[in-house]
C-alpha atoms as a PDB file:
ATOM      1  CA  MET A   1      37.806  47.674 235.464  1.00  0.00           C
ATOM      2  CA  GLN A   2      41.181  48.325 236.985  1.00  0.00           C
ATOM      3  CA  LEU A   3      42.982  45.685 239.039  1.00  0.00           C
ATOM      4  CA  THR A   4      45.881  46.221 241.393  1.00  0.00           C
ATOM      5  CA  SER A   5      49.127  44.553 240.510  1.00  0.00           C
ATOM      6  CA  ALA A   6      50.041  43.379 244.014  1.00  0.00           C
ATOM      7  CA  PRO A   7      47.093  41.750 245.754  1.00  0.00           C
ATOM      8  CA  ARG A   8      47.424  41.250 249.506  1.00  0.00           C
ATOM      9  CA  SER A   9      45.386  38.093 249.935  1.00  0.00           C
ATOM     10  CA  GLY A  10      46.270  36.208 246.788  1.00  0.00           C
ATOM     11  CA  GLY A  11      43.336  37.586 244.753  1.00  0.00           C
ATOM     12  CA  HIS A  12      42.839  40.751 242.773  1.00  0.00           C
ATOM     13  CA  HIS A  13      41.304  43.814 244.435  1.00  0.00           C
ATOM     14  CA  ARG A  14      38.921  45.826 242.312  1.00  0.00           C
ATOM     15  CA  ILE A  15      39.600  49.532 242.301  1.00  0.00           C
ATOM     16  CA  ARG A  16      36.621  51.882 241.889  1.00  0.00           C
ATOM     17  CA  THR A  17      36.453  55.654 241.731  1.00  0.00           C
ATOM     18  CA  CYS A  18      34.334  57.566 244.236  1.00  0.00           C
ATOM     19  CA  ILE A  19      31.826  59.806 242.438  1.00  0.00           C
ATOM     20  CA  ALA A  20      32.354  62.545 245.060  1.00  0.00           C
ATOM     21  CA  THR A  21      36.091  62.608 245.747  1.00  0.00           C
ATOM     22  CA  LYS A  22      37.098  61.142 242.370  1.00  0.00           C
ATOM     23  CA  ARG A  23      39.765  59.136 244.184  1.00  0.00           C
ATOM     24  CA  PRO A  24      40.388  55.516 243.171  1.00  0.00           C
ATOM     25  CA  GLN A  25      39.892  53.216 246.150  1.00  0.00           C
ATOM     26  CA  PRO A  26      39.454  49.506 246.792  1.00  0.00           C
ATOM     27  CA  GLU A  27      35.853  48.492 246.174  1.00  0.00           C
ATOM     28  CA  SER A  28      35.626  47.196 249.750  1.00  0.00           C
ATOM     29  CA  THR A  29      35.962  50.744 251.147  1.00  0.00           C
ATOM     30  CA  LEU A  30      33.176  52.236 249.009  1.00  0.00           C
ATOM     31  CA  LEU A  31      29.390  52.010 249.060  1.00  0.00           C
ATOM     32  CA  ARG A  32      27.639  50.969 245.863  1.00  0.00           C
ATOM     33  CA  VAL A  33      24.403  52.802 245.069  1.00  0.00           C
ATOM     34  CA  VAL A  34      21.803  52.177 242.367  1.00  0.00           C
ATOM     35  CA  ALA A  35      18.859  54.113 240.956  1.00  0.00           C
ATOM     36  CA  GLN A  36      15.332  52.749 241.271  1.00  0.00           C
ATOM     37  CA  GLY A  37      11.974  53.999 240.039  1.00  0.00           C
ATOM     38  CA  GLU A  38      11.015  57.079 238.082  1.00  0.00           C
ATOM     39  CA  ASN A  39      10.042  60.663 238.896  1.00  0.00           C
ATOM     40  CA  PRO A  40      11.563  60.876 241.371  1.00  0.00           C
ATOM     41  CA  VAL A  41      14.373  58.438 240.845  1.00  0.00           C
ATOM     42  CA  ILE A  42      15.343  57.019 244.235  1.00  0.00           C
ATOM     43  CA  VAL A  43      19.037  56.391 244.845  1.00  0.00           C
ATOM     44  CA  VAL A  44      19.370  53.430 247.203  1.00  0.00           C
ATOM     45  CA  PRO A  45      22.384  51.910 248.958  1.00  0.00           C
ATOM     46  CA  ASP A  46      23.515  48.482 247.801  1.00  0.00           C
ATOM     47  CA  PRO A  47      25.954  47.361 250.523  1.00  0.00           C
ATOM     48  CA  LYS A  48      25.761  43.712 249.437  1.00  0.00           C
ATOM     49  CA  ARG A  49      26.427  44.705 245.803  1.00  0.00           C
ATOM     50  CA  LYS A  50      23.640  42.482 244.512  1.00  0.00           C
ATOM     51  CA  LEU A  51      21.009  44.879 243.155  1.00  0.00           C
ATOM     52  CA  GLY A  52      20.616  44.957 239.405  1.00  0.00           C
ATOM     53  CA  GLY A  53      21.251  47.920 237.182  1.00  0.00           C
ATOM     54  CA  ARG A  54      23.952  50.466 236.758  1.00  0.00           C
ATOM     55  CA  GLY A  55      25.765  51.236 239.965  1.00  0.00           C
ATOM     56  CA  ALA A  56      27.925  54.064 241.241  1.00  0.00           C
ATOM     57  CA  TRP A  57      30.464  54.071 244.052  1.00  0.00           C
ATOM     58  CA  ILE A  58      30.798  56.619 246.838  1.00  0.00           C
ATOM     59  CA  THR A  59      32.880  57.009 249.974  1.00  0.00           C
ATOM     60  CA  PRO A  60      30.362  56.294 252.763  1.00  0.00           C
ATOM     61  CA  THR A  61      30.621  59.628 254.580  1.00  0.00           C
ATOM     62  CA  LEU A  62      28.179  62.522 254.854  1.00  0.00           C
ATOM     63  CA  ASP A  63      30.835  64.884 253.468  1.00  0.00           C
ATOM     64  CA  ALA A  64      31.218  62.781 250.326  1.00  0.00           C
ATOM     65  CA  LEU A  65      27.446  62.551 249.981  1.00  0.00           C
ATOM     66  CA  ASP A  66      27.144  66.355 250.199  1.00  0.00           C
ATOM     67  CA  ILE A  67      29.840  66.811 247.551  1.00  0.00           C
ATOM     68  CA  ALA A  68      28.197  64.291 245.221  1.00  0.00           C
ATOM     69  CA  GLU A  69      24.828  66.040 245.588  1.00  0.00           C
ATOM     70  CA  GLN A  70      26.342  69.490 244.953  1.00  0.00           C
ATOM     71  CA  ARG A  71      28.139  68.257 241.829  1.00  0.00           C
ATOM     72  CA  LYS A  72      25.060  66.350 240.624  1.00  0.00           C
ATOM     73  CA  ALA A  73      27.366  63.339 240.428  1.00  0.00           C
ATOM     74  CA  PHE A  74      24.619  60.775 241.085  1.00  0.00           C
ATOM     75  CA  GLY A  75      22.725  61.683 237.922  1.00  0.00           C
ATOM     76  CA  ARG A  76      25.842  61.561 235.770  1.00  0.00           C
ATOM     77  CA  ALA A  77      27.215  58.342 237.233  1.00  0.00           C
ATOM     78  CA  LEU A  78      23.880  56.512 237.160  1.00  0.00           C
ATOM     79  CA  ARG A  79      22.914  58.038 233.801  1.00  0.00           C
ATOM     80  CA  VAL A  80      19.548  59.300 234.972  1.00  0.00           C
ATOM     81  CA  SER A  81      17.997  62.741 234.769  1.00  0.00           C
ATOM     82  CA  GLY A  82      15.302  64.569 236.645  1.00  0.00           C
ATOM     83  CA  ASN A  83      14.661  64.665 240.358  1.00  0.00           C
ATOM     84  CA  LEU A  84      16.826  62.344 242.429  1.00  0.00           C
ATOM     85  CA  ASP A  85      15.972  61.318 245.981  1.00  0.00           C
ATOM     86  CA  THR A  86      19.178  60.433 247.823  1.00  0.00           C
ATOM     87  CA  GLY A  87      17.401  60.158 251.188  1.00  0.00           C
ATOM     88  CA  PRO A  88      17.876  56.385 251.532  1.00  0.00           C
ATOM     89  CA  VAL A  89      21.637  56.741 250.977  1.00  0.00           C
ATOM     90  CA  ARG A  90      21.842  59.604 253.492  1.00  0.00           C
ATOM     91  CA  ALA A  91      19.928  57.552 256.073  1.00  0.00           C
ATOM     92  CA  TYR A  92      22.200  54.535 255.504  1.00  0.00           C
ATOM     93  CA  VAL A  93      25.413  56.578 255.804  1.00  0.00           C
ATOM     94  CA  SER A  94      24.097  58.404 258.891  1.00  0.00           C
ATOM     95  CA  ALA A  95      23.292  55.067 260.523  1.00  0.00           C
ATOM     96  CA  LEU A  96      26.802  53.796 259.756  1.00  0.00           C
ATOM     97  CA  HIS A  97      28.344  56.688 261.652  1.00  0.00           C
ATOM     98  CA  ALA A  98      25.805  56.767 264.476  1.00  0.00           C
ATOM     99  CA  GLY A  99      26.903  53.421 265.849  1.00  0.00           C
ATOM    100  CA  PRO A 100      24.679  51.085 267.841  1.00  0.00           C
ATOM    101  CA  ALA A 101      21.778  52.631 269.735  1.00  0.00           C
ATOM    102  CA  THR A 102      22.103  52.838 273.491  1.00  0.00           C
ATOM    103  CA  GLU A 103      19.460  51.324 275.769  1.00  0.00           C
ATOM    104  CA  GLU A 104      18.027  54.812 276.471  1.00  0.00           C
ATOM    105  CA  GLU A 105      17.686  55.612 272.745  1.00  0.00           C
ATOM    106  CA  ARG A 106      15.703  52.422 272.145  1.00  0.00           C
ATOM    107  CA  HIS A 107      12.952  53.468 274.604  1.00  0.00           C
END
């Protein structure tokens, strides 16, 4: 774990590396994901960072998600093989960028 040398709020900020962009970023700007189940392994978002197991960190954008899928970065980072279902992560990231639903969309 890498810590910054000059924290802004008096505490240390954890730096994590995005599995897609490979850029180190503060943990607070990344989405943690974990693998659950078997055949297929389902990659699920862990925004509260409380799920057990090995986690990986990704920039929460659809572009980063596409890059990670193309590079098969989820399997390497989570140390799993076989079919991976990243649908729950894609749905979560899409919802983040969609914003709140309008009144018309709710009906």
